[in-house]
Amino acid sequence: MTLELYKEVALTLDLPQHQLRAGDIATLVDLVPHPTGGEDGCVLEVFNAVGESIAVIAVPVSAVEALRADEILTVRSLAQAS
C-alpha cells in the first residue's frame, strides 16, 4: 500500500474518542517514524462534509488505507459515531 501526503485515506478502525468510525475519510498530512522502532504513524486531518476541519489526529499506519476505485463515499451525522 502506498500512502501519499495530502491525499485522502480511509480509517480501518473505529476511534470513538474522536467520534470517528472505520471507513471515515481523512487527509494524510504527515508520516511519522516511530522513535523506538515500533510501527510508524500518520497525522491525519479530518474534515466535515462541507470542508471544515474538525480534528487533527495521530494514528498508526495500520489504521489507514488508500482509497480504491471500487469504493463509494457516504455521509453520516457525527452524532451517530458514539
Protein backbone atom coordinates (compact mmCIF):
# COMPACT_ATOMS: atom_id res chain seq x y z
CA MET A 1 0.00 0.00 0.00
CA THR A 2 1.39 3.36 -1.00
CA LEU A 3 0.23 6.33 1.05
CA GLU A 4 0.72 9.79 -0.43
CA LEU A 5 0.86 13.00 1.57
CA TYR A 6 -2.15 15.29 1.18
CA LYS A 7 -4.27 12.50 -0.33
CA GLU A 8 -7.44 11.16 1.25
CA VAL A 9 -7.28 7.87 3.14
CA ALA A 10 -9.88 5.73 4.92
CA LEU A 11 -9.70 4.72 8.56
CA THR A 12 -9.55 0.97 9.14
CA LEU A 13 -10.72 1.10 12.76
CA ASP A 14 -13.16 2.95 14.98
CA LEU A 15 -11.82 5.87 17.03
CA PRO A 16 -14.68 6.59 19.45
CA GLN A 17 -12.64 9.13 21.39
CA HIS A 18 -12.72 11.27 18.22
CA GLN A 19 -16.25 10.22 17.11
CA LEU A 20 -14.76 8.52 14.04
CA ARG A 21 -15.52 5.13 12.51
CA ALA A 22 -13.76 2.70 10.23
CA GLY A 23 -14.40 3.90 6.68
CA ASP A 24 -14.36 7.60 7.55
CA ILE A 25 -12.20 9.69 5.23
CA ALA A 26 -9.27 11.87 6.34
CA THR A 27 -6.38 13.66 4.66
CA LEU A 28 -2.87 12.36 5.31
CA VAL A 29 -0.75 15.37 6.34
CA ASP A 30 2.39 13.67 7.69
CA LEU A 31 4.13 10.32 8.06
CA VAL A 32 5.98 9.98 11.36
CA PRO A 33 8.64 7.37 12.13
CA HIS A 34 8.28 5.61 15.48
CA PRO A 35 11.05 6.90 17.81
CA THR A 36 12.00 3.42 19.09
CA GLY A 37 11.44 1.26 16.02
CA GLY A 38 7.76 0.38 16.50
CA GLU A 39 5.02 0.97 13.98
CA ASP A 40 5.27 4.28 12.15
CA GLY A 41 2.44 6.77 12.46
CA CYS A 42 0.27 9.05 10.37
CA VAL A 43 -1.02 12.51 11.16
CA LEU A 44 -4.49 12.98 9.68
CA GLU A 45 -6.77 15.96 9.30
CA VAL A 46 -10.47 15.15 9.35
CA PHE A 47 -13.00 17.40 7.65
CA ASN A 48 -16.78 17.56 7.84
CA ALA A 49 -18.94 17.27 4.71
CA VAL A 50 -18.60 20.99 3.90
CA GLY A 51 -14.81 21.04 4.19
CA GLU A 52 -14.35 22.45 7.70
CA SER A 53 -11.54 20.91 9.74
CA ILE A 54 -12.93 19.05 12.76
CA ALA A 55 -9.88 17.13 14.05
CA VAL A 56 -6.17 16.51 13.65
CA ILE A 57 -5.21 13.08 14.93
CA ALA A 58 -2.22 10.73 15.01
CA VAL A 59 -2.76 7.03 14.32
CA PRO A 60 -0.57 4.04 13.44
CA VAL A 61 -0.03 3.43 9.72
CA SER A 62 -2.08 0.22 10.04
CA ALA A 63 -5.13 2.36 10.95
CA VAL A 64 -5.42 3.81 7.42
CA GLU A 65 -5.64 2.57 3.87
CA ALA A 66 -5.52 4.23 0.49
CA LEU A 67 -8.85 4.80 -1.23
CA ARG A 68 -9.75 2.40 -4.05
CA ALA A 69 -11.77 2.85 -7.23
CA ASP A 70 -14.25 0.15 -6.15
CA GLU A 71 -15.33 2.18 -3.08
CA ILE A 72 -18.02 4.83 -2.75
CA LEU A 73 -18.18 7.76 -0.31
CA THR A 74 -21.11 8.20 2.07
CA VAL A 75 -22.30 10.81 4.57
CA ARG A 76 -23.32 10.26 8.19
CA SER A 77 -24.03 12.53 11.12
CA LEU A 78 -21.12 12.99 13.50
CA ALA A 79 -23.57 12.49 16.36
CA GLN A 80 -24.10 8.88 15.18
CA ALA A 81 -20.48 7.95 15.90
CA SER A 82 -20.90 7.24 19.61
